[in-house]
């Protein structure tokens, strides 16, 4: 009988990407998977990682709410 996964392929990609981010790194990211991966890294093992968004916003520290666009107000802090 095939083993049932309790996670999706998308969730696995987010986790795998987050593991590549080191504490203190600057991550250039768009919206979606890259932001999720960076936020996961910030909350688990890389609290000092920062996100540089496509529109120029720089976010140090994890997002309180995930931005909907690259120029969302929350991406500029």
Protein backbone atom coordinates (compact mmCIF):
# COMPACT_ATOMS: atom_id res chain seq x y z
CA UNK A 1 0.00 0.00 0.00
CA UNK A 2 1.42 3.46 -0.92
CA UNK A 3 2.47 5.66 1.96
CA UNK A 4 0.33 8.78 2.39
CA UNK A 5 2.18 12.09 2.68
CA UNK A 6 0.83 14.59 5.17
CA UNK A 7 2.30 17.51 3.24
CA UNK A 8 2.01 18.88 -0.27
CA UNK A 9 4.77 19.31 -2.83
CA UNK A 10 4.44 23.10 -2.38
CA UNK A 11 4.94 22.80 1.38
CA UNK A 12 8.00 20.60 0.83
CA UNK A 13 9.48 23.21 -1.56
CA UNK A 14 8.94 25.98 1.02
CA UNK A 15 10.71 23.93 3.71
CA UNK A 16 13.57 22.96 1.38
CA UNK A 17 14.08 26.58 0.28
CA UNK A 18 13.97 27.85 3.88
CA UNK A 19 16.77 25.47 4.84
CA UNK A 20 19.04 27.14 2.28
CA UNK A 21 18.75 30.52 4.01
CA UNK A 22 21.43 31.29 6.58
CA UNK A 23 21.13 33.69 9.50
CA UNK A 24 22.14 37.23 8.52
CA UNK A 25 21.70 36.71 4.77
CA UNK A 26 19.89 39.13 2.47
CA UNK A 27 17.33 37.29 0.33
CA UNK A 28 16.07 38.87 -2.92
CA UNK A 29 12.49 37.61 -3.16
CA UNK A 30 9.23 38.03 -4.98
CA UNK A 31 5.80 37.22 -3.61
CA UNK A 32 4.72 33.66 -2.92
CA UNK A 33 7.04 30.76 -2.19
CA UNK A 34 10.19 32.89 -1.67
CA UNK A 35 8.51 35.04 0.99
CA UNK A 36 7.04 31.99 2.72
CA UNK A 37 10.44 30.27 2.72
CA UNK A 38 12.23 33.33 4.08
CA UNK A 39 9.60 33.91 6.77
CA UNK A 40 9.85 30.24 7.81
CA UNK A 41 13.63 30.56 8.00
CA UNK A 42 13.33 33.72 10.10
CA UNK A 43 10.98 32.02 12.53
CA UNK A 44 12.97 28.78 12.82
CA UNK A 45 16.72 29.25 12.37
CA UNK A 46 17.62 32.55 10.68
CA UNK A 47 16.04 35.40 12.69
CA UNK A 48 18.46 37.97 11.23
CA UNK A 49 17.79 37.16 7.57
CA UNK A 50 16.33 40.11 5.64
CA UNK A 51 14.13 40.20 2.54
CA UNK A 52 14.75 42.61 -0.35
CA UNK A 53 11.57 42.76 -2.43
CA UNK A 54 11.42 43.36 -6.19
CA UNK A 55 9.95 46.84 -5.70
CA UNK A 56 12.82 47.87 -3.42
CA UNK A 57 11.32 47.29 0.01
CA UNK A 58 13.69 45.91 2.63
CA UNK A 59 12.18 43.89 5.47
CA UNK A 60 14.34 43.07 8.47
CA UNK A 61 12.60 40.63 10.76
CA UNK A 62 9.68 38.42 9.86
CA UNK A 63 6.47 39.74 8.35
CA UNK A 64 3.49 40.08 10.70
CA UNK A 65 1.21 39.44 7.74
CA UNK A 66 2.37 38.15 4.39
CA UNK A 67 2.46 40.83 1.70
CA UNK A 68 0.08 40.48 -1.23
CA UNK A 69 2.26 42.40 -3.70
CA UNK A 70 5.93 43.38 -3.95
CA UNK A 71 5.01 47.00 -3.18
CA UNK A 72 2.70 46.19 -0.26
CA UNK A 73 3.14 48.69 2.59
CA UNK A 74 4.41 45.89 4.86
CA UNK A 75 7.44 45.31 2.63
CA UNK A 76 8.89 48.72 3.51
CA UNK A 77 10.18 48.82 7.07
